[in-house]
Amino acid sequence: MQADRRALYNSLRMNWLLDTNLSVEPWQVEDYRTLSQEEIFARLNLHDLSLDKTSFLALSDQFDNPEDLTGHLLVDRDDDAVTQDQVYLLVFELWRRLLPEKPCISIFCDELDHQIFMYDSGRIENTESIQDAIANLAVVLDENADQGNEPEVVFETICAGCANDLESFLYDFISEQIEEGNHTYATELLDDFSDYVQDVKWFEFLRAKLVGAHDEEGANQLVHEMIHDVTSEPDFEYYIEVLAYMVQAGQEADFLYLVRKTVPLLECEEDFQDLLTICADFYHRLDQEGVEAAIQAILQKRAKNSFETVIDFKDPDIAELFKVMEASPL
């Protein structure tokens, strides 16, 4: 039984909590953490597994994780997939509670998922628990890397065991720390995880934002280097994020350069209107009212367009956008 099985059910439960109309079985989305120990053993007994705390602990000595233990309990049985998963979820919860001294990747990832969910849903009174979970993640990554494992592979293994998009969560969490002025902590997090993440450019962007908190010129230089990096793959979401940041402090030449790189990646009307809004905001910051008004006029003309409409790159409004932007004195 794979270690990411728990992550699949964590994902199912989180999606169900966001949309309770999803078609699921109650056992698939149940919060097993709320069950009493007696209830868990009673349910196992319904599957012809007579265990109590003493026998469970004795049996678990032979195994390193709940996946292997579940496989042993079900060996030589002809159970269907539903029964196997029901037993696994119960065994997993017992292992999590009764064997804290025997951590494994699935248990570690489950706790990380739990803390991320609690944080994202606003169910924690302070950030200590999520900070502890992130610190534990950094320790696990470093320990495995110190043993000679490739950093990216180590991180990918942890990500595979999590229901959450771990890299996206770290990006969002660090970005929040920067916005809230927790610059020292944000720096520590970037130092902890930059060597492990796969899409490095997003974390380089965070460093630029961090520098920008006290050195606008230094941040602009970093942004200039980022957007002119010829090895970076085109990425619409990334470009939009950088452009939105440049609204506050970016250089006009770099802004226009990045808009030119972004336009070929437009897919639908919503993308184009998002870009137009950012461009209007940028020239508002520069007090170039004429350019801003011309861009706002394009937006108003397209206001009734369906967001889902596919972009035609021969659309005259695209040429008009560049015309008004290039008319601005750099």
C-alpha atoms as a PDB file:
ATOM      1  CA  MET A   1       0.000   0.000   0.000  1.00  0.00           C
ATOM      2  CA  GLN A   2       1.521   3.313  -1.114  1.00  0.00           C
ATOM      3  CA  ALA A   3       2.483   6.019   1.355  1.00  0.00           C
ATOM      4  CA  ASP A   4       0.525   8.628  -0.603  1.00  0.00           C
ATOM      5  CA  ARG A   5      -2.777   6.802   0.044  1.00  0.00           C
ATOM      6  CA  ARG A   6      -3.427   9.025   3.062  1.00  0.00           C
ATOM      7  CA  ALA A   7      -2.822  12.103   0.913  1.00  0.00           C
ATOM      8  CA  LEU A   8      -5.526  10.994  -1.510  1.00  0.00           C
ATOM      9  CA  TYR A   9      -8.090  10.912   1.258  1.00  0.00           C
ATOM     10  CA  ASN A  10      -6.856  14.205   2.700  1.00  0.00           C
ATOM     11  CA  SER A  11      -7.382  15.734  -0.720  1.00  0.00           C
ATOM     12  CA  LEU A  12     -10.835  14.200  -1.010  1.00  0.00           C
ATOM     13  CA  ARG A  13     -11.829  15.518   2.410  1.00  0.00           C
ATOM     14  CA  MET A  14     -10.523  19.030   1.744  1.00  0.00           C
ATOM     15  CA  ASN A  15     -12.376  19.205  -1.575  1.00  0.00           C
ATOM     16  CA  TRP A  16     -15.530  17.938   0.104  1.00  0.00           C
ATOM     17  CA  LEU A  17     -15.281  20.566   2.828  1.00  0.00           C
ATOM     18  CA  LEU A  18     -15.151  23.190   0.073  1.00  0.00           C
ATOM     19  CA  ASP A  19     -18.098  21.612  -1.739  1.00  0.00           C
ATOM     20  CA  THR A  20     -20.272  19.319   0.397  1.00  0.00           C
ATOM     21  CA  ASN A  21     -22.346  18.454  -2.679  1.00  0.00           C
ATOM     22  CA  LEU A  22     -19.527  16.228  -3.933  1.00  0.00           C
ATOM     23  CA  SER A  23     -20.562  12.583  -4.195  1.00  0.00           C
ATOM     24  CA  VAL A  24     -18.558  10.756  -1.518  1.00  0.00           C
ATOM     25  CA  GLU A  25     -19.006   8.020   1.042  1.00  0.00           C
ATOM     26  CA  PRO A  26     -19.000   9.234   4.666  1.00  0.00           C
ATOM     27  CA  TRP A  27     -15.994   7.082   5.585  1.00  0.00           C
ATOM     28  CA  GLN A  28     -13.959   8.677   2.800  1.00  0.00           C
ATOM     29  CA  VAL A  29     -14.182  12.202   4.237  1.00  0.00           C
ATOM     30  CA  GLU A  30     -14.552  11.502   7.949  1.00  0.00           C
ATOM     31  CA  ASP A  31     -12.254  13.281  10.395  1.00  0.00           C
ATOM     32  CA  TYR A  32     -10.600  10.246  11.960  1.00  0.00           C
ATOM     33  CA  ARG A  33      -8.816  12.467  14.470  1.00  0.00           C
ATOM     34  CA  THR A  34     -12.133  12.970  16.269  1.00  0.00           C
ATOM     35  CA  LEU A  35     -12.832   9.250  16.761  1.00  0.00           C
ATOM     36  CA  SER A  36     -12.235   7.709  20.157  1.00  0.00           C
ATOM     37  CA  GLN A  37      -9.665   4.955  20.421  1.00  0.00           C
ATOM     38  CA  GLU A  38     -12.431   2.549  21.423  1.00  0.00           C
ATOM     39  CA  GLU A  39     -14.425   3.410  18.305  1.00  0.00           C
ATOM     40  CA  ILE A  40     -11.435   2.774  16.048  1.00  0.00           C
ATOM     41  CA  PHE A  41     -10.766  -0.668  17.538  1.00  0.00           C
ATOM     42  CA  ALA A  42     -14.498  -1.471  17.325  1.00  0.00           C
ATOM     43  CA  ARG A  43     -14.523  -0.651  13.623  1.00  0.00           C
ATOM     44  CA  LEU A  44     -11.468  -2.818  13.041  1.00  0.00           C
ATOM     45  CA  ASN A  45     -13.281  -5.631  14.819  1.00  0.00           C
ATOM     46  CA  LEU A  46     -16.114  -5.272  12.295  1.00  0.00           C
ATOM     47  CA  HIS A  47     -13.498  -6.137   9.664  1.00  0.00           C
ATOM     48  CA  ASP A  48     -12.536  -9.279  11.608  1.00  0.00           C
ATOM     49  CA  LEU A  49      -9.433  -7.690  13.080  1.00  0.00           C
ATOM     50  CA  SER A  50      -9.453  -8.209  16.832  1.00  0.00           C
ATOM     51  CA  LEU A  51      -6.952  -5.741  18.223  1.00  0.00           C
ATOM     52  CA  ASP A  52      -6.518  -3.601  21.304  1.00  0.00           C
ATOM     53  CA  LYS A  53      -3.851  -1.085  22.258  1.00  0.00           C
ATOM     54  CA  THR A  54      -1.491  -3.723  23.643  1.00  0.00           C
ATOM     55  CA  SER A  55      -1.719  -6.073  20.666  1.00  0.00           C
ATOM     56  CA  PHE A  56      -1.526  -3.186  18.191  1.00  0.00           C
ATOM     57  CA  LEU A  57       1.669  -1.838  19.753  1.00  0.00           C
ATOM     58  CA  ALA A  58       3.232  -5.296  19.893  1.00  0.00           C
ATOM     59  CA  LEU A  59       2.406  -5.952  16.257  1.00  0.00           C
ATOM     60  CA  SER A  60       3.627  -2.550  15.103  1.00  0.00           C
ATOM     61  CA  ASP A  61       7.128  -3.298  16.434  1.00  0.00           C
ATOM     62  CA  GLN A  62       7.649  -5.428  13.335  1.00  0.00           C
ATOM     63  CA  PHE A  63       6.919  -2.605  10.875  1.00  0.00           C
ATOM     64  CA  ASP A  64       8.161   0.866   9.995  1.00  0.00           C
ATOM     65  CA  ASN A  65       4.918   2.473   8.863  1.00  0.00           C
ATOM     66  CA  PRO A  66       1.123   2.016   8.863  1.00  0.00           C
ATOM     67  CA  GLU A  67       1.144   1.021   5.197  1.00  0.00           C
ATOM     68  CA  ASP A  68       3.249  -2.081   5.826  1.00  0.00           C
ATOM     69  CA  LEU A  69       1.283  -2.941   8.947  1.00  0.00           C
ATOM     70  CA  THR A  70      -2.002  -2.715   7.055  1.00  0.00           C
ATOM     71  CA  GLY A  71      -0.598  -4.955   4.334  1.00  0.00           C
ATOM     72  CA  HIS A  72       0.329  -7.525   6.982  1.00  0.00           C
ATOM     73  CA  LEU A  73      -3.116  -7.421   8.583  1.00  0.00           C
ATOM     74  CA  LEU A  74      -4.818  -8.015   5.250  1.00  0.00           C
ATOM     75  CA  VAL A  75      -2.405 -10.574   3.822  1.00  0.00           C
ATOM     76  CA  ASP A  76      -4.015 -13.756   2.511  1.00  0.00           C
ATOM     77  CA  ARG A  77      -7.436 -12.086   2.673  1.00  0.00           C
ATOM     78  CA  ASP A  78      -9.632 -11.469  -0.311  1.00  0.00           C
ATOM     79  CA  ASP A  79     -10.832  -8.006   0.676  1.00  0.00           C
ATOM     80  CA  ASP A  80     -12.118  -5.535  -1.875  1.00  0.00           C
ATOM     81  CA  ALA A  81     -10.464  -2.137  -2.323  1.00  0.00           C
ATOM     82  CA  VAL A  82     -13.053  -0.359  -0.168  1.00  0.00           C
ATOM     83  CA  THR A  83     -12.415  -2.631   2.805  1.00  0.00           C
ATOM     84  CA  GLN A  84      -8.658  -2.311   2.393  1.00  0.00           C
ATOM     85  CA  ASP A  85      -8.871   1.463   2.450  1.00  0.00           C
ATOM     86  CA  GLN A  86     -11.247   1.526   5.414  1.00  0.00           C
ATOM     87  CA  VAL A  87      -8.851  -0.637   7.400  1.00  0.00           C
ATOM     88  CA  TYR A  88      -5.876   1.455   6.313  1.00  0.00           C
ATOM     89  CA  LEU A  89      -7.423   4.720   7.478  1.00  0.00           C
ATOM     90  CA  LEU A  90      -8.176   3.228  10.902  1.00  0.00           C
ATOM     91  CA  VAL A  91      -4.699   1.712  11.266  1.00  0.00           C
ATOM     92  CA  PHE A  92      -3.142   4.969  10.136  1.00  0.00           C
ATOM     93  CA  GLU A  93      -4.965   6.932  12.826  1.00  0.00           C
ATOM     94  CA  LEU A  94      -3.910   4.488  15.533  1.00  0.00           C
ATOM     95  CA  TRP A  95      -0.293   4.701  14.381  1.00  0.00           C
ATOM     96  CA  ARG A  96      -0.440   8.488  14.399  1.00  0.00           C
ATOM     97  CA  ARG A  97      -1.698   8.570  17.994  1.00  0.00           C
ATOM     98  CA  LEU A  98       0.047   5.642  19.606  1.00  0.00           C
ATOM     99  CA  LEU A  99       3.444   5.682  17.907  1.00  0.00           C
ATOM    100  CA  PRO A 100       4.755   9.256  17.866  1.00  0.00           C
ATOM    101  CA  GLU A 101       8.256   7.853  18.371  1.00  0.00           C
ATOM    102  CA  LYS A 102       8.034   6.012  15.007  1.00  0.00           C
ATOM    103  CA  PRO A 103       7.465   8.763  12.446  1.00  0.00           C
ATOM    104  CA  CYS A 104       7.368   7.934   8.742  1.00  0.00           C
ATOM    105  CA  ILE A 105       6.792   9.908   5.569  1.00  0.00           C
ATOM    106  CA  SER A 106       3.029   9.371   5.417  1.00  0.00           C
ATOM    107  CA  ILE A 107       2.548  10.408   9.063  1.00  0.00           C
ATOM    108  CA  PHE A 108       4.801  13.436   8.576  1.00  0.00           C
ATOM    109  CA  CYS A 109       2.976  14.526   5.415  1.00  0.00           C
ATOM    110  CA  ASP A 110      -0.424  13.994   7.022  1.00  0.00           C
ATOM    111  CA  GLU A 111       0.483  16.323   9.888  1.00  0.00           C
ATOM    112  CA  LEU A 112       1.797  18.880   7.416  1.00  0.00           C
ATOM    113  CA  ASP A 113      -1.467  18.682   5.456  1.00  0.00           C
ATOM    114  CA  HIS A 114      -3.445  19.038   8.674  1.00  0.00           C
ATOM    115  CA  GLN A 115      -1.563  22.139   9.781  1.00  0.00           C
ATOM    116  CA  ILE A 116      -1.802  23.738   6.329  1.00  0.00           C
ATOM    117  CA  PHE A 117      -5.547  23.089   6.246  1.00  0.00           C
ATOM    118  CA  MET A 118      -6.015  24.535   9.730  1.00  0.00           C
ATOM    119  CA  TYR A 119      -3.996  27.611   8.762  1.00  0.00           C
ATOM    120  CA  ASP A 120      -5.667  28.189   5.391  1.00  0.00           C
ATOM    121  CA  SER A 121      -9.149  27.783   6.889  1.00  0.00           C
ATOM    122  CA  GLY A 122      -8.406  30.175   9.744  1.00  0.00           C
ATOM    123  CA  ARG A 123      -8.899  27.551  12.430  1.00  0.00           C
ATOM    124  CA  ILE A 124      -5.783  28.304  14.468  1.00  0.00           C
ATOM    125  CA  GLU A 125      -5.499  30.942  17.165  1.00  0.00           C
ATOM    126  CA  ASN A 126      -1.831  31.690  16.437  1.00  0.00           C
ATOM    127  CA  THR A 127       0.756  30.729  13.853  1.00  0.00           C
ATOM    128  CA  GLU A 128       3.010  28.691  16.123  1.00  0.00           C
ATOM    129  CA  SER A 129       1.669  25.336  14.951  1.00  0.00           C
ATOM    130  CA  ILE A 130       2.124  26.067  11.243  1.00  0.00           C
ATOM    131  CA  GLN A 131       5.540  27.597  11.918  1.00  0.00           C
ATOM    132  CA  ASP A 132       6.547  24.451  13.792  1.00  0.00           C
ATOM    133  CA  ALA A 133       5.319  22.287  10.897  1.00  0.00           C
ATOM    134  CA  ILE A 134       7.321  24.348   8.403  1.00  0.00           C
ATOM    135  CA  ALA A 135      10.400  24.196  10.623  1.00  0.00           C
ATOM    136  CA  ASN A 136      10.051  20.408  10.856  1.00  0.00           C
ATOM    137  CA  LEU A 137       9.815  20.252   7.074  1.00  0.00           C
ATOM    138  CA  ALA A 138      13.077  22.182   6.752  1.00  0.00           C
ATOM    139  CA  VAL A 139      14.765  19.788   9.195  1.00  0.00           C
ATOM    140  CA  VAL A 140      13.540  16.701   7.316  1.00  0.00           C
ATOM    141  CA  LEU A 141      14.685  18.116   3.979  1.00  0.00           C
ATOM    142  CA  ASP A 142      18.115  19.045   5.318  1.00  0.00           C
ATOM    143  CA  GLU A 143      18.615  15.694   7.020  1.00  0.00           C
ATOM    144  CA  ASN A 144      17.856  13.812   3.813  1.00  0.00           C
ATOM    145  CA  ALA A 145      20.004  16.135   1.714  1.00  0.00           C
ATOM    146  CA  ASP A 146      22.875  15.716   4.164  1.00  0.00           C
ATOM    147  CA  GLN A 147      22.660  11.966   3.546  1.00  0.00           C
ATOM    148  CA  GLY A 148      23.537  12.562  -0.098  1.00  0.00           C
ATOM    149  CA  ASN A 149      20.069  12.751  -1.642  1.00  0.00           C
ATOM    150  CA  GLU A 150      19.399  15.335  -4.337  1.00  0.00           C
ATOM    151  CA  PRO A 151      17.551  18.297  -2.766  1.00  0.00           C
ATOM    152  CA  GLU A 152      14.928  18.495  -5.526  1.00  0.00           C
ATOM    153  CA  VAL A 153      14.241  14.747  -5.281  1.00  0.00           C
ATOM    154  CA  VAL A 154      13.859  14.943  -1.506  1.00  0.00           C
ATOM    155  CA  PHE A 155      11.344  17.775  -1.818  1.00  0.00           C
ATOM    156  CA  GLU A 156       9.479  16.004  -4.611  1.00  0.00           C
ATOM    157  CA  THR A 157       9.116  12.909  -2.420  1.00  0.00           C
ATOM    158  CA  ILE A 158       7.584  14.954   0.388  1.00  0.00           C
ATOM    159  CA  CYS A 159       5.294  16.741  -2.071  1.00  0.00           C
ATOM    160  CA  ALA A 160       4.038  13.410  -3.409  1.00  0.00           C
ATOM    161  CA  GLY A 161       2.900  12.479   0.090  1.00  0.00           C
ATOM    162  CA  CYS A 162       0.961  15.715   0.628  1.00  0.00           C
ATOM    163  CA  ALA A 163      -2.538  16.583  -0.495  1.00  0.00           C
ATOM    164  CA  ASN A 164      -1.629  20.279  -0.623  1.00  0.00           C
ATOM    165  CA  ASP A 165       0.535  21.865  -3.301  1.00  0.00           C
ATOM    166  CA  LEU A 166       3.454  22.341  -0.932  1.00  0.00           C
ATOM    167  CA  GLU A 167       5.486  24.624  -3.162  1.00  0.00           C
ATOM    168  CA  SER A 168       2.531  26.955  -3.753  1.00  0.00           C
ATOM    169  CA  PHE A 169       1.751  27.021  -0.043  1.00  0.00           C
ATOM    170  CA  LEU A 170       5.328  27.967   0.847  1.00  0.00           C
ATOM    171  CA  TYR A 171       5.296  30.720  -1.769  1.00  0.00           C
ATOM    172  CA  ASP A 172       2.023  32.142  -0.455  1.00  0.00           C
ATOM    173  CA  PHE A 173       3.097  31.835   3.180  1.00  0.00           C
ATOM    174  CA  ILE A 174       6.440  33.582   2.630  1.00  0.00           C
ATOM    175  CA  SER A 175       4.716  36.266   0.562  1.00  0.00           C
ATOM    176  CA  GLU A 176       2.356  36.878   3.487  1.00  0.00           C
ATOM    177  CA  GLN A 177       5.303  37.261   5.846  1.00  0.00           C
ATOM    178  CA  ILE A 178       6.824  39.888   3.546  1.00  0.00           C
ATOM    179  CA  GLU A 179       3.536  41.785   3.292  1.00  0.00           C
ATOM    180  CA  GLU A 180       3.128  41.699   7.077  1.00  0.00           C
ATOM    181  CA  GLY A 181       6.636  43.052   7.610  1.00  0.00           C
ATOM    182  CA  ASN A 182       8.100  39.838   9.029  1.00  0.00           C
ATOM    183  CA  HIS A 183      11.208  40.264   6.914  1.00  0.00           C
ATOM    184  CA  THR A 184      13.665  38.352   9.072  1.00  0.00           C
ATOM    185  CA  TYR A 185      11.405  35.308   9.178  1.00  0.00           C
ATOM    186  CA  ALA A 186      10.740  35.540   5.439  1.00  0.00           C
ATOM    187  CA  THR A 187      14.493  35.620   4.792  1.00  0.00           C
ATOM    188  CA  GLU A 188      14.984  32.513   6.940  1.00  0.00           C
ATOM    189  CA  LEU A 189      12.269  30.668   5.039  1.00  0.00           C
ATOM    190  CA  LEU A 190      13.714  31.599   1.667  1.00  0.00           C
ATOM    191  CA  ASP A 191      17.131  30.411   2.815  1.00  0.00           C
ATOM    192  CA  ASP A 192      15.586  27.162   4.105  1.00  0.00           C
ATOM    193  CA  PHE A 193      13.658  26.202   0.966  1.00  0.00           C
ATOM    194  CA  SER A 194      15.156  27.906  -2.109  1.00  0.00           C
ATOM    195  CA  ASP A 195      17.509  24.961  -2.758  1.00  0.00           C
ATOM    196  CA  TYR A 196      14.621  22.474  -2.735  1.00  0.00           C
ATOM    197  CA  VAL A 197      11.794  23.984  -4.766  1.00  0.00           C
ATOM    198  CA  GLN A 198      11.453  23.137  -8.432  1.00  0.00           C
ATOM    199  CA  ASP A 199      10.158  26.423  -9.850  1.00  0.00           C
ATOM    200  CA  VAL A 200      12.982  28.609  -8.567  1.00  0.00           C
ATOM    201  CA  LYS A 201      11.923  31.794 -10.336  1.00  0.00           C
ATOM    202  CA  TRP A 202       8.963  32.312  -7.990  1.00  0.00           C
ATOM    203  CA  PHE A 203      11.239  32.289  -4.967  1.00  0.00           C
ATOM    204  CA  GLU A 204      13.690  34.617  -6.700  1.00  0.00           C
ATOM    205  CA  PHE A 205      10.719  36.932  -7.158  1.00  0.00           C
ATOM    206  CA  LEU A 206      10.041  36.741  -3.419  1.00  0.00           C
ATOM    207  CA  ARG A 207      13.634  37.775  -2.762  1.00  0.00           C
ATOM    208  CA  ALA A 208      13.128  40.784  -5.014  1.00  0.00           C
ATOM    209  CA  LYS A 209       9.978  41.723  -3.082  1.00  0.00           C
ATOM    210  CA  LEU A 210      11.881  41.312   0.169  1.00  0.00           C
ATOM    211  CA  VAL A 211      14.683  43.571  -1.045  1.00  0.00           C
ATOM    212  CA  GLY A 212      12.073  46.054  -2.252  1.00  0.00           C
ATOM    213  CA  ALA A 213      10.798  46.483   1.282  1.00  0.00           C
ATOM    214  CA  HIS A 214      13.891  48.575   2.057  1.00  0.00           C
ATOM    215  CA  ASP A 215      15.723  49.087  -1.255  1.00  0.00           C
ATOM    216  CA  GLU A 216      13.543  49.949  -4.257  1.00  0.00           C
ATOM    217  CA  GLU A 217      16.469  50.427  -6.620  1.00  0.00           C
ATOM    218  CA  GLY A 218      17.978  47.074  -5.621  1.00  0.00           C
ATOM    219  CA  ALA A 219      14.621  45.347  -6.144  1.00  0.00           C
ATOM    220  CA  ASN A 220      14.244  46.918  -9.589  1.00  0.00           C
ATOM    221  CA  GLN A 221      17.680  45.602 -10.538  1.00  0.00           C
ATOM    222  CA  LEU A 222      16.703  42.098  -9.433  1.00  0.00           C
ATOM    223  CA  VAL A 223      13.453  42.314 -11.388  1.00  0.00           C
ATOM    224  CA  HIS A 224      15.365  43.487 -14.442  1.00  0.00           C
ATOM    225  CA  GLU A 225      17.648  40.452 -14.208  1.00  0.00           C
ATOM    226  CA  MET A 226      14.715  38.095 -13.660  1.00  0.00           C
ATOM    227  CA  ILE A 227      12.659  39.176 -16.652  1.00  0.00           C
ATOM    228  CA  HIS A 228      15.696  39.184 -18.945  1.00  0.00           C
ATOM    229  CA  ASP A 229      16.743  35.674 -17.911  1.00  0.00           C
ATOM    230  CA  VAL A 230      16.871  33.829 -21.246  1.00  0.00           C
ATOM    231  CA  THR A 231      16.841  30.423 -19.503  1.00  0.00           C
ATOM    232  CA  SER A 232      13.449  31.037 -17.882  1.00  0.00           C
ATOM    233  CA  GLU A 233      10.463  29.339 -19.531  1.00  0.00           C
ATOM    234  CA  PRO A 234       7.511  31.609 -20.493  1.00  0.00           C
ATOM    235  CA  ASP A 235       4.938  31.616 -17.704  1.00  0.00           C
ATOM    236  CA  PHE A 236       1.817  33.785 -17.896  1.00  0.00           C
ATOM    237  CA  GLU A 237       0.923  33.619 -14.190  1.00  0.00           C
ATOM    238  CA  TYR A 238       4.476  34.506 -13.217  1.00  0.00           C
ATOM    239  CA  TYR A 239       4.628  37.434 -15.623  1.00  0.00           C
ATOM    240  CA  ILE A 240       1.304  38.777 -14.346  1.00  0.00           C
ATOM    241  CA  GLU A 241       2.497  38.546 -10.736  1.00  0.00           C
ATOM    242  CA  VAL A 242       5.709  40.410 -11.553  1.00  0.00           C
ATOM    243  CA  LEU A 243       3.835  43.055 -13.543  1.00  0.00           C
ATOM    244  CA  ALA A 244       1.420  43.563 -10.651  1.00  0.00           C
ATOM    245  CA  TYR A 245       4.384  44.066  -8.337  1.00  0.00           C
ATOM    246  CA  MET A 246       5.960  46.528 -10.780  1.00  0.00           C
ATOM    247  CA  VAL A 247       2.842  48.681 -10.526  1.00  0.00           C
ATOM    248  CA  GLN A 248       4.199  49.833  -7.175  1.00  0.00           C
ATOM    249  CA  ALA A 249       7.844  50.355  -8.019  1.00  0.00           C
ATOM    250  CA  GLY A 250       8.883  49.039 -11.438  1.00  0.00           C
ATOM    251  CA  GLN A 251      10.808  50.807 -14.189  1.00  0.00           C
ATOM    252  CA  GLU A 252       8.811  51.727 -17.285  1.00  0.00           C
ATOM    253  CA  ALA A 253      11.237  50.172 -19.793  1.00  0.00           C
ATOM    254  CA  ASP A 254      11.187  46.855 -17.928  1.00  0.00           C
ATOM    255  CA  PHE A 255       7.417  47.015 -17.575  1.00  0.00           C
ATOM    256  CA  LEU A 256       6.891  47.465 -21.313  1.00  0.00           C
ATOM    257  CA  TYR A 257       9.433  44.704 -22.028  1.00  0.00           C
ATOM    258  CA  LEU A 258       7.539  42.265 -19.808  1.00  0.00           C
ATOM    259  CA  VAL A 259       4.151  43.230 -21.260  1.00  0.00           C
ATOM    260  CA  ARG A 260       5.557  42.329 -24.676  1.00  0.00           C
ATOM    261  CA  LYS A 261       6.597  38.924 -23.318  1.00  0.00           C
ATOM    262  CA  THR A 262       3.200  38.423 -21.694  1.00  0.00           C
ATOM    263  CA  VAL A 263       0.868  39.218 -24.605  1.00  0.00           C
ATOM    264  CA  PRO A 264       1.760  36.101 -26.674  1.00  0.00           C
ATOM    265  CA  LEU A 265       0.730  33.991 -23.657  1.00  0.00           C
ATOM    266  CA  LEU A 266      -2.801  35.410 -23.438  1.00  0.00           C
ATOM    267  CA  GLU A 267      -5.418  32.713 -23.801  1.00  0.00           C
ATOM    268  CA  CYS A 268      -8.783  34.316 -23.075  1.00  0.00           C
ATOM    269  CA  GLU A 269     -10.510  37.648 -22.606  1.00  0.00           C
ATOM    270  CA  GLU A 270     -10.069  37.490 -18.834  1.00  0.00           C
ATOM    271  CA  ASP A 271      -6.292  37.287 -19.278  1.00  0.00           C
ATOM    272  CA  PHE A 272      -6.274  40.330 -21.536  1.00  0.00           C
ATOM    273  CA  GLN A 273      -8.473  42.402 -19.240  1.00  0.00           C
ATOM    274  CA  ASP A 274      -6.297  41.496 -16.257  1.00  0.00           C
ATOM    275  CA  LEU A 275      -3.259  42.702 -18.186  1.00  0.00           C
ATOM    276  CA  LEU A 276      -5.034  45.913 -19.242  1.00  0.00           C
ATOM    277  CA  THR A 277      -5.995  46.650 -15.635  1.00  0.00           C
ATOM    278  CA  ILE A 278      -2.399  46.225 -14.474  1.00  0.00           C
ATOM    279  CA  CYS A 279      -1.165  48.480 -17.289  1.00  0.00           C
ATOM    280  CA  ALA A 280      -3.688  51.171 -16.379  1.00  0.00           C
ATOM    281  CA  ASP A 281      -2.619  50.993 -12.726  1.00  0.00           C
ATOM    282  CA  PHE A 282       1.046  51.240 -13.695  1.00  0.00           C
ATOM    283  CA  TYR A 283       0.592  54.444 -15.676  1.00  0.00           C
ATOM    284  CA  HIS A 284      -1.642  55.850 -12.945  1.00  0.00           C
ATOM    285  CA  ARG A 285       1.301  55.469 -10.563  1.00  0.00           C
ATOM    286  CA  LEU A 286       3.507  57.325 -13.065  1.00  0.00           C
ATOM    287  CA  ASP A 287       0.900  60.132 -13.280  1.00  0.00           C
ATOM    288  CA  GLN A 288       0.700  59.623 -17.032  1.00  0.00           C
ATOM    289  CA  GLU A 289      -3.018  60.356 -17.199  1.00  0.00           C
ATOM    290  CA  GLY A 290      -3.245  60.281 -20.978  1.00  0.00           C
ATOM    291  CA  VAL A 291      -1.836  56.763 -21.257  1.00  0.00           C
ATOM    292  CA  GLU A 292      -3.963  55.575 -18.349  1.00  0.00           C
ATOM    293  CA  ALA A 293      -7.123  57.023 -19.905  1.00  0.00           C
ATOM    294  CA  ALA A 294      -6.401  55.401 -23.263  1.00  0.00           C
ATOM    295  CA  ILE A 295      -5.957  51.982 -21.611  1.00  0.00           C
ATOM    296  CA  GLN A 296      -9.110  52.486 -19.539  1.00  0.00           C
ATOM    297  CA  ALA A 297     -10.973  53.248 -22.780  1.00  0.00           C
ATOM    298  CA  ILE A 298      -9.883  49.864 -24.184  1.00  0.00           C
ATOM    299  CA  LEU A 299     -11.104  48.192 -20.994  1.00  0.00           C
ATOM    300  CA  GLN A 300     -14.481  49.915 -21.146  1.00  0.00           C
ATOM    301  CA  LYS A 301     -14.927  48.932 -24.781  1.00  0.00           C
ATOM    302  CA  ARG A 302     -14.357  45.286 -23.870  1.00  0.00           C
ATOM    303  CA  ALA A 303     -16.399  45.313 -20.649  1.00  0.00           C
ATOM    304  CA  LYS A 304     -19.236  43.220 -22.075  1.00  0.00           C
ATOM    305  CA  ASN A 305     -16.972  40.597 -23.645  1.00  0.00           C
ATOM    306  CA  SER A 306     -17.207  37.104 -22.198  1.00  0.00           C
ATOM    307  CA  PHE A 307     -14.173  36.256 -20.089  1.00  0.00           C
ATOM    308  CA  GLU A 308     -14.026  32.844 -21.768  1.00  0.00           C
ATOM    309  CA  THR A 309     -13.611  34.231 -25.298  1.00  0.00           C
ATOM    310  CA  VAL A 310     -10.379  33.028 -26.900  1.00  0.00           C
ATOM    311  CA  ILE A 311      -7.969  35.845 -27.709  1.00  0.00           C
ATOM    312  CA  ASP A 312      -7.383  36.707 -31.350  1.00  0.00           C
ATOM    313  CA  PHE A 313      -3.865  38.081 -31.593  1.00  0.00           C
ATOM    314  CA  LYS A 314      -4.965  40.162 -34.595  1.00  0.00           C
ATOM    315  CA  ASP A 315      -7.367  42.001 -32.280  1.00  0.00           C
ATOM    316  CA  PRO A 316      -6.759  45.733 -32.939  1.00  0.00           C
ATOM    317  CA  ASP A 317      -6.951  46.452 -29.198  1.00  0.00           C
ATOM    318  CA  ILE A 318      -3.680  44.606 -28.687  1.00  0.00           C
ATOM    319  CA  ALA A 319      -1.962  46.820 -31.231  1.00  0.00           C
ATOM    320  CA  GLU A 320      -3.657  49.836 -29.640  1.00  0.00           C
ATOM    321  CA  LEU A 321      -2.283  48.895 -26.223  1.00  0.00           C
ATOM    322  CA  PHE A 322       1.274  48.885 -27.507  1.00  0.00           C
ATOM    323  CA  LYS A 323       0.687  52.077 -29.456  1.00  0.00           C
ATOM    324  CA  VAL A 324      -0.399  54.078 -26.393  1.00  0.00           C
ATOM    325  CA  MET A 325       2.306  52.568 -24.166  1.00  0.00           C
ATOM    326  CA  GLU A 326       5.080  53.251 -26.666  1.00  0.00           C
ATOM    327  CA  ALA A 327       3.840  56.836 -27.036  1.00  0.00           C
ATOM    328  CA  SER A 328       4.730  57.342 -23.372  1.00  0.00           C
ATOM    329  CA  PRO A 329       8.117  59.020 -22.835  1.00  0.00           C
ATOM    330  CA  LEU A 330      10.463  56.465 -21.219  1.00  0.00           C
END
